[in-house]
C-alpha atoms as a PDB file:
ATOM      1  CA  UNK A   1       0.000   0.000   0.000  1.00  0.00           C
ATOM      2  CA  UNK A   2       2.812   2.393   0.854  1.00  0.00           C
ATOM      3  CA  UNK A   3       4.622   1.813  -2.453  1.00  0.00           C
ATOM      4  CA  UNK A   4       1.422   2.090  -4.549  1.00  0.00           C
ATOM      5  CA  UNK A   5       0.677   5.581  -3.130  1.00  0.00           C
ATOM      6  CA  UNK A   6       4.121   7.198  -3.283  1.00  0.00           C
ATOM      7  CA  UNK A   7       3.385   9.204  -6.476  1.00  0.00           C
ATOM      8  CA  UNK A   8      -0.123  10.332  -5.481  1.00  0.00           C
ATOM      9  CA  UNK A   9       1.056  13.020  -3.030  1.00  0.00           C
ATOM     10  CA  UNK A  10       3.377  14.602  -5.601  1.00  0.00           C
ATOM     11  CA  UNK A  11       0.623  14.609  -8.218  1.00  0.00           C
ATOM     12  CA  UNK A  12      -1.864  16.307  -5.875  1.00  0.00           C
ATOM     13  CA  UNK A  13       0.716  18.919  -4.848  1.00  0.00           C
ATOM     14  CA  UNK A  14       1.449  19.725  -8.493  1.00  0.00           C
ATOM     15  CA  UNK A  15      -2.265  20.193  -9.220  1.00  0.00           C
ATOM     16  CA  UNK A  16      -2.614  22.514  -6.205  1.00  0.00           C
ATOM     17  CA  UNK A  17       0.414  24.526  -7.360  1.00  0.00           C
ATOM     18  CA  UNK A  18      -1.079  24.801 -10.851  1.00  0.00           C
ATOM     19  CA  UNK A  19      -4.367  26.110  -9.441  1.00  0.00           C
ATOM     20  CA  UNK A  20      -2.518  28.605  -7.246  1.00  0.00           C
ATOM     21  CA  UNK A  21      -0.471  29.822 -10.225  1.00  0.00           C
ATOM     22  CA  UNK A  22      -3.581  30.312 -12.373  1.00  0.00           C
ATOM     23  CA  UNK A  23      -5.417  32.120  -9.571  1.00  0.00           C
ATOM     24  CA  UNK A  24      -2.380  34.315  -8.895  1.00  0.00           C
ATOM     25  CA  UNK A  25      -2.013  35.206 -12.565  1.00  0.00           C
ATOM     26  CA  UNK A  26      -5.710  36.131 -12.809  1.00  0.00           C
ATOM     27  CA  UNK A  27      -5.445  38.242  -9.653  1.00  0.00           C
ATOM     28  CA  UNK A  28      -2.433  40.119 -11.038  1.00  0.00           C
ATOM     29  CA  UNK A  29      -4.164  40.672 -14.370  1.00  0.00           C
ATOM     30  CA  UNK A  30      -7.304  41.964 -12.633  1.00  0.00           C
ATOM     31  CA  UNK A  31      -5.187  44.328 -10.512  1.00  0.00           C
ATOM     32  CA  UNK A  32      -3.444  45.700 -13.607  1.00  0.00           C
ATOM     33  CA  UNK A  33      -6.770  46.269 -15.379  1.00  0.00           C
ATOM     34  CA  UNK A  34      -8.181  47.979 -12.277  1.00  0.00           C
ATOM     35  CA  UNK A  35      -5.094  50.177 -12.061  1.00  0.00           C
ATOM     36  CA  UNK A  36      -5.413  51.142 -15.734  1.00  0.00           C
ATOM     37  CA  UNK A  37      -9.071  52.051 -15.225  1.00  0.00           C
ATOM     38  CA  UNK A  38      -8.244  54.116 -12.138  1.00  0.00           C
ATOM     39  CA  UNK A  39      -5.367  55.851 -13.917  1.00  0.00           C
ATOM     40  CA  UNK A  40      -7.568  56.617 -16.929  1.00  0.00           C
ATOM     41  CA  UNK A  41     -10.329  58.039 -14.723  1.00  0.00           C
ATOM     42  CA  UNK A  42      -7.853  60.211 -12.816  1.00  0.00           C
ATOM     43  CA  UNK A  43      -6.300  61.441 -16.052  1.00  0.00           C
ATOM     44  CA  UNK A  44      -9.716  62.352 -17.498  1.00  0.00           C
ATOM     45  CA  UNK A  45     -10.640  64.221 -14.316  1.00  0.00           C
ATOM     46  CA  UNK A  46      -7.337  66.088 -14.257  1.00  0.00           C
ATOM     47  CA  UNK A  47      -7.638  67.162 -17.895  1.00  0.00           C
ATOM     48  CA  UNK A  48     -11.273  68.162 -17.378  1.00  0.00           C
ATOM     49  CA  UNK A  49     -10.332  70.399 -14.443  1.00  0.00           C
ATOM     50  CA  UNK A  50      -7.492  72.031 -16.387  1.00  0.00           C
ATOM     51  CA  UNK A  51      -9.791  72.789 -19.324  1.00  0.00           C
ATOM     52  CA  UNK A  52     -12.314  74.321 -16.931  1.00  0.00           C
ATOM     53  CA  UNK A  53      -9.701  76.572 -15.352  1.00  0.00           C
ATOM     54  CA  UNK A  54      -8.499  77.732 -18.771  1.00  0.00           C
ATOM     55  CA  UNK A  55     -12.042  78.566 -19.926  1.00  0.00           C
ATOM     56  CA  UNK A  56     -12.748  80.435 -16.684  1.00  0.00           C
ATOM     57  CA  UNK A  57      -9.640  82.541 -17.354  1.00  0.00           C
ATOM     58  CA  UNK A  58     -10.990  83.465 -20.780  1.00  0.00           C
ATOM     59  CA  UNK A  59     -14.322  84.454 -19.179  1.00  0.00           C
ATOM     60  CA  UNK A  60     -12.723  86.738 -16.582  1.00  0.00           C
ATOM     61  CA  UNK A  61     -14.853  89.904 -16.779  1.00  0.00           C
ATOM     62  CA  UNK A  62     -12.180  91.919 -14.990  1.00  0.00           C
ATOM     63  CA  UNK A  63      -9.871  91.454 -17.983  1.00  0.00           C
ATOM     64  CA  UNK A  64     -12.498  91.790 -20.718  1.00  0.00           C
ATOM     65  CA  UNK A  65     -11.854  95.490 -21.337  1.00  0.00           C
ATOM     66  CA  UNK A  66      -8.145  94.858 -21.962  1.00  0.00           C
ATOM     67  CA  UNK A  67      -8.881  91.814 -24.107  1.00  0.00           C
ATOM     68  CA  UNK A  68     -11.122  93.883 -26.400  1.00  0.00           C
ATOM     69  CA  UNK A  69      -8.302  96.288 -27.244  1.00  0.00           C
ATOM     70  CA  UNK A  70      -6.261  95.877 -30.415  1.00  0.00           C
ATOM     71  CA  UNK A  71      -3.565  93.920 -28.570  1.00  0.00           C
ATOM     72  CA  UNK A  72      -6.009  91.684 -26.675  1.00  0.00           C
ATOM     73  CA  UNK A  73      -7.128  88.219 -27.663  1.00  0.00           C
ATOM     74  CA  UNK A  74     -10.647  89.369 -28.627  1.00  0.00           C
ATOM     75  CA  UNK A  75      -9.783  92.739 -30.121  1.00  0.00           C
ATOM     76  CA  UNK A  76      -7.107  91.543 -32.538  1.00  0.00           C
ATOM     77  CA  UNK A  77      -9.216  88.966 -34.378  1.00  0.00           C
ATOM     78  CA  UNK A  78     -12.467  90.898 -34.044  1.00  0.00           C
ATOM     79  CA  UNK A  79     -11.651  93.065 -37.058  1.00  0.00           C
ATOM     80  CA  UNK A  80     -13.136  92.246 -40.449  1.00  0.00           C
ATOM     81  CA  UNK A  81      -9.768  91.182 -41.879  1.00  0.00           C
ATOM     82  CA  UNK A  82      -9.236  88.629 -39.099  1.00  0.00           C
ATOM     83  CA  UNK A  83     -12.701  87.071 -38.876  1.00  0.00           C
ATOM     84  CA  UNK A  84     -12.435  83.298 -39.163  1.00  0.00           C
ATOM     85  CA  UNK A  85      -8.838  83.184 -37.929  1.00  0.00           C
ATOM     86  CA  UNK A  86      -7.968  81.459 -34.667  1.00  0.00           C
ATOM     87  CA  UNK A  87      -5.805  83.178 -32.076  1.00  0.00           C
ATOM     88  CA  UNK A  88      -4.040  80.486 -30.038  1.00  0.00           C
ATOM     89  CA  UNK A  89      -2.515  80.465 -26.538  1.00  0.00           C
ATOM     90  CA  UNK A  90      -0.806  77.810 -24.463  1.00  0.00           C
ATOM     91  CA  UNK A  91      -2.409  78.170 -21.045  1.00  0.00           C
ATOM     92  CA  UNK A  92       0.121  78.538 -18.236  1.00  0.00           C
ATOM     93  CA  UNK A  93      -1.517  78.963 -14.871  1.00  0.00           C
ATOM     94  CA  UNK A  94       1.241  81.107 -13.372  1.00  0.00           C
ATOM     95  CA  UNK A  95       1.314  83.597 -16.263  1.00  0.00           C
ATOM     96  CA  UNK A  96      -0.996  86.463 -15.298  1.00  0.00           C
ATOM     97  CA  UNK A  97      -0.448  88.318 -18.588  1.00  0.00           C
ATOM     98  CA  UNK A  98      -1.028  85.327 -20.815  1.00  0.00           C
ATOM     99  CA  UNK A  99      -3.606  86.666 -23.241  1.00  0.00           C
ATOM    100  CA  UNK A 100      -1.443  89.146 -25.131  1.00  0.00           C
ATOM    101  CA  UNK A 101      -0.132  89.044 -28.685  1.00  0.00           C
ATOM    102  CA  UNK A 102       3.412  88.334 -27.506  1.00  0.00           C
ATOM    103  CA  UNK A 103       2.163  85.001 -26.126  1.00  0.00           C
ATOM    104  CA  UNK A 104      -0.108  84.211 -29.064  1.00  0.00           C
ATOM    105  CA  UNK A 105      -0.105  82.594 -32.487  1.00  0.00           C
ATOM    106  CA  UNK A 106      -2.531  82.973 -35.376  1.00  0.00           C
ATOM    107  CA  UNK A 107      -3.852  79.983 -37.289  1.00  0.00           C
ATOM    108  CA  UNK A 108      -5.585  80.773 -40.573  1.00  0.00           C
ATOM    109  CA  UNK A 109      -6.472  79.183 -43.884  1.00  0.00           C
ATOM    110  CA  UNK A 110      -5.806  81.583 -46.729  1.00  0.00           C
ATOM    111  CA  UNK A 111      -7.595  81.369 -50.054  1.00  0.00           C
ATOM    112  CA  UNK A 112      -5.650  79.216 -52.473  1.00  0.00           C
ATOM    113  CA  UNK A 113      -3.500  77.580 -49.781  1.00  0.00           C
ATOM    114  CA  UNK A 114      -3.521  73.778 -49.480  1.00  0.00           C
ATOM    115  CA  UNK A 115      -3.008  73.851 -45.685  1.00  0.00           C
ATOM    116  CA  UNK A 116      -3.479  76.291 -42.787  1.00  0.00           C
ATOM    117  CA  UNK A 117      -0.740  78.767 -41.941  1.00  0.00           C
ATOM    118  CA  UNK A 118       0.136  79.117 -38.256  1.00  0.00           C
ATOM    119  CA  UNK A 119       3.107  81.486 -38.351  1.00  0.00           C
ATOM    120  CA  UNK A 120       1.563  84.874 -39.056  1.00  0.00           C
ATOM    121  CA  UNK A 121       2.767  86.381 -35.744  1.00  0.00           C
ATOM    122  CA  UNK A 122       5.071  83.590 -34.564  1.00  0.00           C
ATOM    123  CA  UNK A 123       4.714  80.255 -32.757  1.00  0.00           C
ATOM    124  CA  UNK A 124       4.716  81.374 -29.098  1.00  0.00           C
ATOM    125  CA  UNK A 125       1.069  80.382 -28.671  1.00  0.00           C
ATOM    126  CA  UNK A 126       1.437  76.661 -29.371  1.00  0.00           C
ATOM    127  CA  UNK A 127       2.073  74.267 -26.493  1.00  0.00           C
ATOM    128  CA  UNK A 128       5.388  72.577 -27.201  1.00  0.00           C
ATOM    129  CA  UNK A 129       6.146  69.238 -25.463  1.00  0.00           C
ATOM    130  CA  UNK A 130       9.649  69.297 -26.953  1.00  0.00           C
ATOM    131  CA  UNK A 131      10.545  72.708 -25.518  1.00  0.00           C
ATOM    132  CA  UNK A 132      12.756  73.192 -22.464  1.00  0.00           C
ATOM    133  CA  UNK A 133      10.381  75.919 -21.239  1.00  0.00           C
ATOM    134  CA  UNK A 134       7.489  74.906 -19.030  1.00  0.00           C
ATOM    135  CA  UNK A 135       4.343  74.849 -21.170  1.00  0.00           C
ATOM    136  CA  UNK A 136       2.378  72.803 -18.619  1.00  0.00           C
ATOM    137  CA  UNK A 137      -0.609  74.225 -16.790  1.00  0.00           C
ATOM    138  CA  UNK A 138       0.932  73.621 -13.350  1.00  0.00           C
ATOM    139  CA  UNK A 139       4.099  72.560 -11.589  1.00  0.00           C
ATOM    140  CA  UNK A 140       2.994  68.919 -11.726  1.00  0.00           C
ATOM    141  CA  UNK A 141       3.980  68.947 -15.420  1.00  0.00           C
ATOM    142  CA  UNK A 142       1.241  66.496 -16.312  1.00  0.00           C
ATOM    143  CA  UNK A 143      -1.293  68.413 -18.444  1.00  0.00           C
ATOM    144  CA  UNK A 144      -0.966  70.912 -21.276  1.00  0.00           C
ATOM    145  CA  UNK A 145      -3.914  73.065 -22.347  1.00  0.00           C
ATOM    146  CA  UNK A 146      -4.091  74.946 -25.633  1.00  0.00           C
ATOM    147  CA  UNK A 147      -6.776  77.586 -26.127  1.00  0.00           C
ATOM    148  CA  UNK A 148      -8.047  79.082 -29.358  1.00  0.00           C
ATOM    149  CA  UNK A 149     -10.445  82.002 -29.779  1.00  0.00           C
ATOM    150  CA  UNK A 150     -12.304  82.628 -33.024  1.00  0.00           C
ATOM    151  CA  UNK A 151     -14.948  85.130 -34.112  1.00  0.00           C
ATOM    152  CA  UNK A 152     -17.545  83.486 -36.294  1.00  0.00           C
ATOM    153  CA  UNK A 153     -17.711  84.832 -39.834  1.00  0.00           C
ATOM    154  CA  UNK A 154     -21.497  85.250 -39.499  1.00  0.00           C
ATOM    155  CA  UNK A 155     -23.443  87.073 -36.841  1.00  0.00           C
ATOM    156  CA  UNK A 156     -25.327  85.171 -34.168  1.00  0.00           C
ATOM    157  CA  UNK A 157     -28.515  86.756 -35.552  1.00  0.00           C
ATOM    158  CA  UNK A 158     -28.190  84.351 -38.488  1.00  0.00           C
ATOM    159  CA  UNK A 159     -28.899  81.462 -36.109  1.00  0.00           C
ATOM    160  CA  UNK A 160     -31.664  83.072 -34.036  1.00  0.00           C
ATOM    161  CA  UNK A 161     -33.680  86.089 -35.155  1.00  0.00           C
ATOM    162  CA  UNK A 162     -32.206  89.150 -33.373  1.00  0.00           C
ATOM    163  CA  UNK A 163     -30.079  86.745 -31.311  1.00  0.00           C
ATOM    164  CA  UNK A 164     -27.977  88.548 -28.727  1.00  0.00           C
ATOM    165  CA  UNK A 165     -29.399  92.002 -29.478  1.00  0.00           C
ATOM    166  CA  UNK A 166     -30.491  94.095 -26.472  1.00  0.00           C
ATOM    167  CA  UNK A 167     -34.288  94.395 -26.414  1.00  0.00           C
ATOM    168  CA  UNK A 168     -35.727  97.577 -27.910  1.00  0.00           C
ATOM    169  CA  UNK A 169     -32.606  98.599 -29.815  1.00  0.00           C
ATOM    170  CA  UNK A 170     -31.659  99.019 -33.440  1.00  0.00           C
ATOM    171  CA  UNK A 171     -28.088  98.354 -34.544  1.00  0.00           C
ATOM    172  CA  UNK A 172     -28.227 101.013 -37.281  1.00  0.00           C
ATOM    173  CA  UNK A 173     -30.226 103.955 -36.006  1.00  0.00           C
ATOM    174  CA  UNK A 174     -29.426 103.308 -32.363  1.00  0.00           C
ATOM    175  CA  UNK A 175     -25.671 103.028 -33.008  1.00  0.00           C
ATOM    176  CA  UNK A 176     -25.552  99.765 -31.102  1.00  0.00           C
ATOM    177  CA  UNK A 177     -22.664  97.373 -31.774  1.00  0.00           C
ATOM    178  CA  UNK A 178     -24.000  94.261 -33.465  1.00  0.00           C
ATOM    179  CA  UNK A 179     -23.808  91.021 -31.497  1.00  0.00           C
ATOM    180  CA  UNK A 180     -20.919  88.761 -32.469  1.00  0.00           C
ATOM    181  CA  UNK A 181     -20.384  85.082 -31.803  1.00  0.00           C
ATOM    182  CA  UNK A 182     -17.119  84.042 -30.177  1.00  0.00           C
ATOM    183  CA  UNK A 183     -16.023  80.390 -30.193  1.00  0.00           C
ATOM    184  CA  UNK A 184     -13.468  79.203 -27.641  1.00  0.00           C
ATOM    185  CA  UNK A 185     -11.747  75.803 -27.837  1.00  0.00           C
ATOM    186  CA  UNK A 186      -9.791  74.465 -24.865  1.00  0.00           C
ATOM    187  CA  UNK A 187      -7.918  71.222 -25.528  1.00  0.00           C
ATOM    188  CA  UNK A 188      -6.148  69.571 -22.582  1.00  0.00           C
ATOM    189  CA  UNK A 189      -3.886  66.588 -23.144  1.00  0.00           C
ATOM    190  CA  UNK A 190      -1.238  64.484 -21.377  1.00  0.00           C
ATOM    191  CA  UNK A 191       1.845  63.823 -23.539  1.00  0.00           C
ATOM    192  CA  UNK A 192       3.382  61.444 -20.997  1.00  0.00           C
ATOM    193  CA  UNK A 193       0.505  58.961 -21.338  1.00  0.00           C
ATOM    194  CA  UNK A 194       0.995  58.544 -25.078  1.00  0.00           C
ATOM    195  CA  UNK A 195       3.451  56.524 -27.118  1.00  0.00           C
ATOM    196  CA  UNK A 196       3.426  59.256 -29.781  1.00  0.00           C
ATOM    197  CA  UNK A 197       6.556  61.334 -30.177  1.00  0.00           C
ATOM    198  CA  UNK A 198       6.557  64.843 -28.742  1.00  0.00           C
ATOM    199  CA  UNK A 199       7.388  66.277 -32.158  1.00  0.00           C
ATOM    200  CA  UNK A 200       4.302  64.620 -33.686  1.00  0.00           C
ATOM    201  CA  UNK A 201       2.132  66.033 -30.886  1.00  0.00           C
ATOM    202  CA  UNK A 202       3.571  69.504 -31.455  1.00  0.00           C
ATOM    203  CA  UNK A 203       2.873  69.133 -35.175  1.00  0.00           C
ATOM    204  CA  UNK A 204      -0.822  68.567 -34.370  1.00  0.00           C
ATOM    205  CA  UNK A 205      -0.947  71.698 -32.241  1.00  0.00           C
ATOM    206  CA  UNK A 206       0.979  74.003 -34.568  1.00  0.00           C
ATOM    207  CA  UNK A 207      -0.294  73.019 -38.035  1.00  0.00           C
ATOM    208  CA  UNK A 208      -4.001  72.274 -37.503  1.00  0.00           C
ATOM    209  CA  UNK A 209      -7.038  74.431 -36.796  1.00  0.00           C
ATOM    210  CA  UNK A 210      -9.719  73.625 -34.245  1.00  0.00           C
ATOM    211  CA  UNK A 211     -12.464  74.461 -36.751  1.00  0.00           C
ATOM    212  CA  UNK A 212     -10.896  73.964 -40.180  1.00  0.00           C
ATOM    213  CA  UNK A 213     -12.817  75.207 -43.196  1.00  0.00           C
ATOM    214  CA  UNK A 214     -11.198  74.425 -46.537  1.00  0.00           C
ATOM    215  CA  UNK A 215     -11.582  77.416 -48.892  1.00  0.00           C
ATOM    216  CA  UNK A 216     -13.691  76.828 -51.983  1.00  0.00           C
ATOM    217  CA  UNK A 217     -11.780  75.364 -54.895  1.00  0.00           C
ATOM    218  CA  UNK A 218      -8.838  74.250 -52.761  1.00  0.00           C
ATOM    219  CA  UNK A 219      -7.550  70.679 -52.617  1.00  0.00           C
ATOM    220  CA  UNK A 220      -6.166  70.234 -49.109  1.00  0.00           C
ATOM    221  CA  UNK A 221      -2.981  68.262 -48.522  1.00  0.00           C
ATOM    222  CA  UNK A 222      -3.160  64.974 -46.610  1.00  0.00           C
ATOM    223  CA  UNK A 223      -4.665  65.479 -43.128  1.00  0.00           C
ATOM    224  CA  UNK A 224      -4.505  69.291 -43.473  1.00  0.00           C
ATOM    225  CA  UNK A 225      -8.272  69.522 -43.075  1.00  0.00           C
ATOM    226  CA  UNK A 226      -8.188  67.512 -39.829  1.00  0.00           C
ATOM    227  CA  UNK A 227      -8.849  69.373 -36.596  1.00  0.00           C
ATOM    228  CA  UNK A 228      -6.449  69.466 -33.647  1.00  0.00           C
ATOM    229  CA  UNK A 229      -8.462  66.884 -31.700  1.00  0.00           C
ATOM    230  CA  UNK A 230      -8.712  64.585 -34.738  1.00  0.00           C
ATOM    231  CA  UNK A 231      -4.935  64.710 -35.100  1.00  0.00           C
ATOM    232  CA  UNK A 232      -4.400  63.971 -31.380  1.00  0.00           C
ATOM    233  CA  UNK A 233      -6.921  61.148 -31.539  1.00  0.00           C
ATOM    234  CA  UNK A 234      -5.095  59.570 -34.494  1.00  0.00           C
ATOM    235  CA  UNK A 235      -1.924  59.604 -32.380  1.00  0.00           C
ATOM    236  CA  UNK A 236      -3.781  58.014 -29.418  1.00  0.00           C
ATOM    237  CA  UNK A 237      -2.978  60.993 -27.193  1.00  0.00           C
ATOM    238  CA  UNK A 238      -5.351  61.262 -24.186  1.00  0.00           C
ATOM    239  CA  UNK A 239      -7.240  64.573 -24.401  1.00  0.00           C
ATOM    240  CA  UNK A 240     -10.327  66.490 -23.309  1.00  0.00           C
ATOM    241  CA  UNK A 241     -11.838  69.192 -25.537  1.00  0.00           C
ATOM    242  CA  UNK A 242     -14.162  71.960 -24.338  1.00  0.00           C
ATOM    243  CA  UNK A 243     -16.025  74.108 -26.861  1.00  0.00           C
ATOM    244  CA  UNK A 244     -17.762  77.250 -25.584  1.00  0.00           C
ATOM    245  CA  UNK A 245     -19.749  79.797 -27.564  1.00  0.00           C
ATOM    246  CA  UNK A 246     -20.410  83.343 -26.403  1.00  0.00           C
ATOM    247  CA  UNK A 247     -22.361  86.285 -27.739  1.00  0.00           C
ATOM    248  CA  UNK A 248     -20.432  89.520 -27.443  1.00  0.00           C
ATOM    249  CA  UNK A 249     -23.064  92.210 -27.050  1.00  0.00           C
ATOM    250  CA  UNK A 250     -23.212  95.828 -25.991  1.00  0.00           C
ATOM    251  CA  UNK A 251     -24.681  96.198 -22.511  1.00  0.00           C
ATOM    252  CA  UNK A 252     -27.009  99.196 -22.310  1.00  0.00           C
ATOM    253  CA  UNK A 253     -27.854 100.819 -18.982  1.00  0.00           C
ATOM    254  CA  UNK A 254     -30.703 103.208 -18.495  1.00  0.00           C
ATOM    255  CA  UNK A 255     -30.192 106.603 -16.859  1.00  0.00           C
ATOM    256  CA  UNK A 256     -32.590 108.510 -14.646  1.00  0.00           C
END
């Protein structure tokens, strides 16, 4: 009896070890998946918060008067010659004088051109992951946020009858400034969580528009008509995009 059972103990032990190995491998795999999900959720939340902060900075009413001047982000592209262009900034939380032309770039699509041109006033406005300067939104150096501001080529009244106009006014006889639609894009992304090269990411940010419109009769070059977020998505770069629309109207106050 003793000799006939000598191999049974070893066989049972091997089976138990096999089960323990399989269970351990499944536990490790489940932990990795859970960690990936948690990391993804945290990354999404972090990018969402950074986009919110950037948009709130654009909405700051205390700076609106300065931004409507010729050197401000609204005033520069508000003119008839600049309608449809995008003025671009890389949001840096510690920079209090961010929204000036010295920190901006212009992205435009000229008639006859096969791709947008982003170098009209320089490239200071594009977030650059390859740069030695800190283009991140905070000292954590995790998220970059690029903002673009664009005045629509048509008035908001084209969408809604008398949209945005103060009640009881007339834009012609009353000398009231016509309402204008402003479109703000805030794109937050995390270069470190992508396998894409930093130069490819920078190419997305510095050669693509957020709202590209190919001029009539133009044949665009490969991917030139893609938006910034489409380019980032093709590179599998994690990002969050906020699009906000505003009506810029004249505020009338009665006097007694």
